[in-house]
Amino acid sequence: MTVRAGERVALLGPSGCGKSSVLRIVAGLQNETSGQVNVMKGGSIGFVFQDATLLPWATVAKNVAMPLSLKDAPEIDDRVAKALAEVDLSDFASAYPAELSGGMAMRTSIARALVTEPDIMLMDEPFGALDEITRFRLNDLLLERHARVPHTLLFVTHSVFEAVYLAERVLVMSPRPGLIAVEIIASEPNRNQEWRGSNDYAAACHAASQALQHAMADAA
């Protein structure tokens, strides 16, 4: 598997096939059992987990500032304010996690990953527990942010529709041992609500769904 700089790639596959393990290996949180992983030299990495994993005793601003504080980075307040503005949470900088909705908590988590301006963003199914409206909004937020500040995006999802909407390439994995079974190209440049309702989008989702079913059948 090769992911080019600035590319958006989705990993789609059944539970337990190794999608999350791929992200953890790329991030250096887990060792590969065989093979080799090469990450661009000097490339910084941001990671958004399935759960928001916010510190309950810290404000939204403090949670977002955490990775900068650990590195004693300059201009922390300005960078945190910018990140919160990007996810439309400026008015909640002083709020605590218990006061946030699920969507707001995930936006805080995304802001925490984005505040370091990573070259590579890894996302492990961060929207799975959210309602569709919030999920669509955060999908659009990622695309808008990627257009403004190009970076490499590698994300895991169980949603065929989300994979096709966000990714330029969808890599369909088979069940364990988790091989890359099929690659689907989704080259549409204008990702918006109009495209979401188009025949082209429906056809790409159908192709991804069929590829997933075939990969699972072949492994049976």
Protein backbone atom coordinates (compact mmCIF):
# COMPACT_ATOMS: atom_id res chain seq x y z
CA MET A 1 0.00 0.00 0.00
CA THR A 2 1.31 3.43 -0.95
CA VAL A 3 -0.26 6.71 0.13
CA ARG A 4 1.09 9.78 -1.63
CA ALA A 5 1.68 13.12 0.06
CA GLY A 6 -1.50 15.21 0.10
CA GLU A 7 -3.72 12.26 -0.81
CA ARG A 8 -6.98 11.26 0.93
CA VAL A 9 -7.26 7.48 1.33
CA ALA A 10 -9.91 5.41 3.11
CA LEU A 11 -9.52 1.92 4.55
CA LEU A 12 -12.80 0.03 4.30
CA GLY A 13 -13.34 -3.49 5.57
CA PRO A 14 -15.06 -5.79 8.07
CA SER A 15 -14.43 -5.57 11.80
CA GLY A 16 -11.21 -7.23 12.88
CA CYS A 17 -9.48 -7.13 9.49
CA GLY A 18 -6.67 -4.85 10.71
CA LYS A 19 -7.74 -1.35 9.64
CA SER A 20 -7.05 0.25 13.02
CA SER A 21 -3.80 -1.71 13.31
CA VAL A 22 -2.59 -0.13 10.07
CA LEU A 23 -3.14 3.36 11.53
CA ARG A 24 -1.44 2.48 14.82
CA ILE A 25 1.56 1.03 12.98
CA VAL A 26 1.89 4.13 10.80
CA ALA A 27 1.69 6.30 13.93
CA GLY A 28 4.32 4.23 15.71
CA LEU A 29 1.88 3.13 18.41
CA GLN A 30 2.16 -0.54 17.42
CA ASN A 31 4.96 -2.58 15.86
CA GLU A 32 4.49 -4.39 12.60
CA THR A 33 4.83 -8.18 12.82
CA SER A 34 6.40 -8.43 9.37
CA GLY A 35 7.19 -6.24 6.39
CA GLN A 36 8.29 -2.64 6.51
CA VAL A 37 6.59 0.73 6.98
CA ASN A 38 8.16 3.87 5.54
CA VAL A 39 6.78 7.26 6.56
CA MET A 40 7.93 10.51 4.92
CA LYS A 41 11.06 11.78 6.65
CA GLY A 42 10.28 14.51 9.16
CA GLY A 43 6.54 14.23 8.56
CA SER A 44 4.48 15.12 11.63
CA ILE A 45 1.44 12.97 12.47
CA GLY A 46 -1.94 13.82 13.97
CA PHE A 47 -4.24 11.05 15.25
CA VAL A 48 -8.00 11.22 15.84
CA PHE A 49 -9.33 8.18 17.70
CA GLN A 50 -12.80 6.63 17.63
CA ASP A 51 -13.64 8.37 20.90
CA ALA A 52 -12.93 12.02 21.63
CA THR A 53 -10.67 11.04 24.60
CA LEU A 54 -10.76 14.52 26.13
CA LEU A 55 -9.39 15.33 29.57
CA PRO A 56 -12.56 15.92 31.65
CA TRP A 57 -10.87 18.36 34.05
CA ALA A 58 -9.52 20.60 31.27
CA THR A 59 -11.39 23.17 29.22
CA VAL A 60 -11.86 22.82 25.49
CA ALA A 61 -9.01 25.26 24.90
CA LYS A 62 -6.70 23.39 27.29
CA ASN A 63 -7.52 20.08 25.63
CA VAL A 64 -6.71 21.48 22.21
CA ALA A 65 -3.52 23.09 23.51
CA MET A 66 -2.22 19.86 25.07
CA PRO A 67 0.01 18.62 22.19
CA LEU A 68 1.53 22.11 21.85
CA SER A 69 2.10 22.41 25.59
CA LEU A 70 3.94 19.10 25.66
CA LYS A 71 6.35 20.45 23.05
CA ASP A 72 6.56 23.91 24.60
CA ALA A 73 5.53 25.33 21.20
CA PRO A 74 5.37 29.07 20.55
CA GLU A 75 2.16 31.12 20.12
CA ILE A 76 0.00 28.45 21.73
CA ASP A 77 -2.98 30.71 22.43
CA ASP A 78 -3.12 32.03 18.88
CA ARG A 79 -2.83 28.55 17.36
CA VAL A 80 -5.52 27.15 19.64
CA ALA A 81 -7.85 30.03 18.79
CA LYS A 82 -7.30 29.40 15.09
CA ALA A 83 -7.97 25.66 15.44
CA LEU A 84 -11.16 26.26 17.43
CA ALA A 85 -12.35 28.75 14.83
CA GLU A 86 -11.81 26.15 12.10
CA VAL A 87 -14.15 23.71 13.85
CA ASP A 88 -16.62 26.44 14.86
CA LEU A 89 -15.99 26.12 18.61
CA SER A 90 -14.59 29.54 19.45
CA ASP A 91 -17.53 30.26 21.77
CA PHE A 92 -16.84 27.08 23.76
CA ALA A 93 -13.15 27.59 24.52
CA SER A 94 -13.88 27.82 28.25
CA ALA A 95 -16.38 24.95 28.35
CA TYR A 96 -15.60 21.54 29.82
CA PRO A 97 -16.09 18.20 28.01
CA ALA A 98 -19.16 17.32 30.11
CA GLU A 99 -20.89 20.38 28.66
CA LEU A 100 -20.36 19.32 25.04
CA SER A 101 -22.51 17.29 22.68
CA GLY A 102 -20.99 14.27 20.96
CA GLY A 103 -20.38 16.24 17.78
CA MET A 104 -18.76 19.10 19.66
CA ALA A 105 -16.49 16.70 21.54
CA MET A 106 -15.35 15.16 18.25
CA ARG A 107 -14.73 18.60 16.78
CA THR A 108 -12.59 19.37 19.83
CA SER A 109 -10.65 16.16 19.22
CA ILE A 110 -10.18 17.11 15.56
CA ALA A 111 -9.01 20.59 16.55
CA ARG A 112 -6.49 19.02 18.95
CA ALA A 113 -5.07 16.99 16.07
CA LEU A 114 -5.10 19.89 13.61
CA VAL A 115 -3.53 22.45 15.95
CA THR A 116 -0.09 20.93 15.33
CA GLU A 117 -0.63 21.34 11.56
CA PRO A 118 0.39 17.72 10.86
CA ASP A 119 1.67 16.55 7.51
CA ILE A 120 -0.23 13.28 8.00
CA MET A 121 -3.67 12.98 9.60
CA LEU A 122 -4.76 9.52 10.78
CA MET A 123 -8.42 9.08 11.71
CA ASP A 124 -9.85 5.88 13.19
CA GLU A 125 -13.60 5.94 12.52
CA PRO A 126 -14.15 9.13 14.53
CA PHE A 127 -17.73 9.71 13.35
CA GLY A 128 -19.23 6.24 13.87
CA ALA A 129 -21.30 7.16 16.93
CA LEU A 130 -22.62 10.48 15.58
CA ASP A 131 -25.95 11.28 13.96
CA GLU A 132 -25.99 11.65 10.18
CA ILE A 133 -26.36 15.45 10.13
CA THR A 134 -23.36 15.95 12.44
CA ARG A 135 -21.41 13.33 10.51
CA PHE A 136 -22.06 15.07 7.18
CA ARG A 137 -21.04 18.40 8.67
CA LEU A 138 -17.75 17.04 9.98
CA ASN A 139 -17.07 15.30 6.66
CA ASP A 140 -17.43 18.67 4.91
CA LEU A 141 -15.23 20.31 7.55
CA LEU A 142 -12.42 17.86 6.78
CA LEU A 143 -12.69 18.49 3.04
CA GLU A 144 -12.74 22.27 3.50
CA ARG A 145 -9.73 22.13 5.80
CA HIS A 146 -7.83 19.83 3.42
CA ALA A 147 -8.45 22.29 0.57
CA ARG A 148 -7.05 25.17 2.66
CA VAL A 149 -4.13 23.31 4.21
CA PRO A 150 -3.23 20.27 2.06
CA HIS A 151 -2.07 17.27 4.06
CA THR A 152 -2.17 13.49 3.79
CA LEU A 153 -5.34 11.93 5.17
CA LEU A 154 -5.58 8.21 5.93
CA PHE A 155 -8.78 7.19 7.68
CA VAL A 156 -10.72 4.12 8.71
CA THR A 157 -14.47 3.81 8.32
CA HIS A 158 -17.17 1.15 8.18
CA SER A 159 -19.33 3.41 6.02
CA VAL A 160 -19.13 2.89 2.27
CA PHE A 161 -20.85 6.25 1.77
CA GLU A 162 -18.36 8.12 3.94
CA ALA A 163 -15.37 6.41 2.33
CA VAL A 164 -16.46 7.40 -1.18
CA TYR A 165 -17.38 10.93 -0.13
CA LEU A 166 -14.10 11.74 1.61
CA ALA A 167 -11.45 9.69 -0.18
CA GLU A 168 -9.78 9.92 -3.54
CA ARG A 169 -8.95 6.23 -3.20
CA VAL A 170 -10.83 3.58 -1.23
CA LEU A 171 -8.79 0.51 -0.26
CA VAL A 172 -11.09 -2.43 0.48
CA MET A 173 -9.64 -4.97 2.90
CA SER A 174 -10.55 -8.63 3.19
CA PRO A 175 -11.23 -10.33 6.55
CA ARG A 176 -8.25 -11.59 8.53
CA PRO A 177 -5.42 -11.71 7.62
CA GLY A 178 -6.50 -8.32 6.26
CA LEU A 179 -5.19 -8.05 2.73
CA ILE A 180 -5.83 -5.11 0.40
CA ALA A 181 -8.35 -6.79 -1.90
CA VAL A 182 -9.60 -3.97 -4.16
CA GLU A 183 -8.72 -0.35 -4.90
CA ILE A 184 -11.52 2.01 -5.97
CA ILE A 185 -10.76 5.42 -7.46
CA ALA A 186 -13.14 8.25 -6.59
CA SER A 187 -11.78 11.15 -8.62
CA GLU A 188 -14.65 13.66 -8.30
CA PRO A 189 -13.03 17.05 -7.46
CA ASN A 190 -16.19 18.76 -6.15
CA ARG A 191 -17.32 16.98 -3.00
CA ASN A 192 -20.56 18.63 -1.89
CA GLN A 193 -24.20 17.91 -1.16
CA GLU A 194 -25.09 18.07 -4.83
CA TRP A 195 -22.57 15.36 -5.66
CA ARG A 196 -23.80 13.29 -2.71
CA GLY A 197 -27.15 13.06 -4.49
CA SER A 198 -25.73 12.33 -7.94
CA ASN A 199 -25.76 9.13 -9.99
CA ASP A 200 -21.93 9.15 -10.07
CA TYR A 201 -21.78 9.10 -6.27
CA ALA A 202 -24.37 6.33 -6.09
CA ALA A 203 -22.43 4.28 -8.65
CA ALA A 204 -19.15 4.70 -6.75
CA CYS A 205 -20.83 3.65 -3.48
CA HIS A 206 -22.33 0.61 -5.20
CA ALA A 207 -18.92 -0.36 -6.58
CA ALA A 208 -17.35 -0.07 -3.13
CA SER A 209 -20.16 -2.08 -1.54
CA GLN A 210 -19.84 -4.82 -4.16
CA ALA A 211 -16.05 -4.92 -3.73
CA LEU A 212 -16.46 -5.32 0.03
CA GLN A 213 -18.95 -8.15 -0.40
CA HIS A 214 -16.71 -9.93 -2.90
CA ALA A 215 -13.65 -9.56 -0.67
CA MET A 216 -15.53 -11.11 2.23
CA ALA A 217 -16.91 -13.92 0.03
CA ASP A 218 -13.48 -14.75 -1.39
CA ALA A 219 -12.05 -15.04 2.09
CA ALA A 220 -14.83 -17.30 3.32
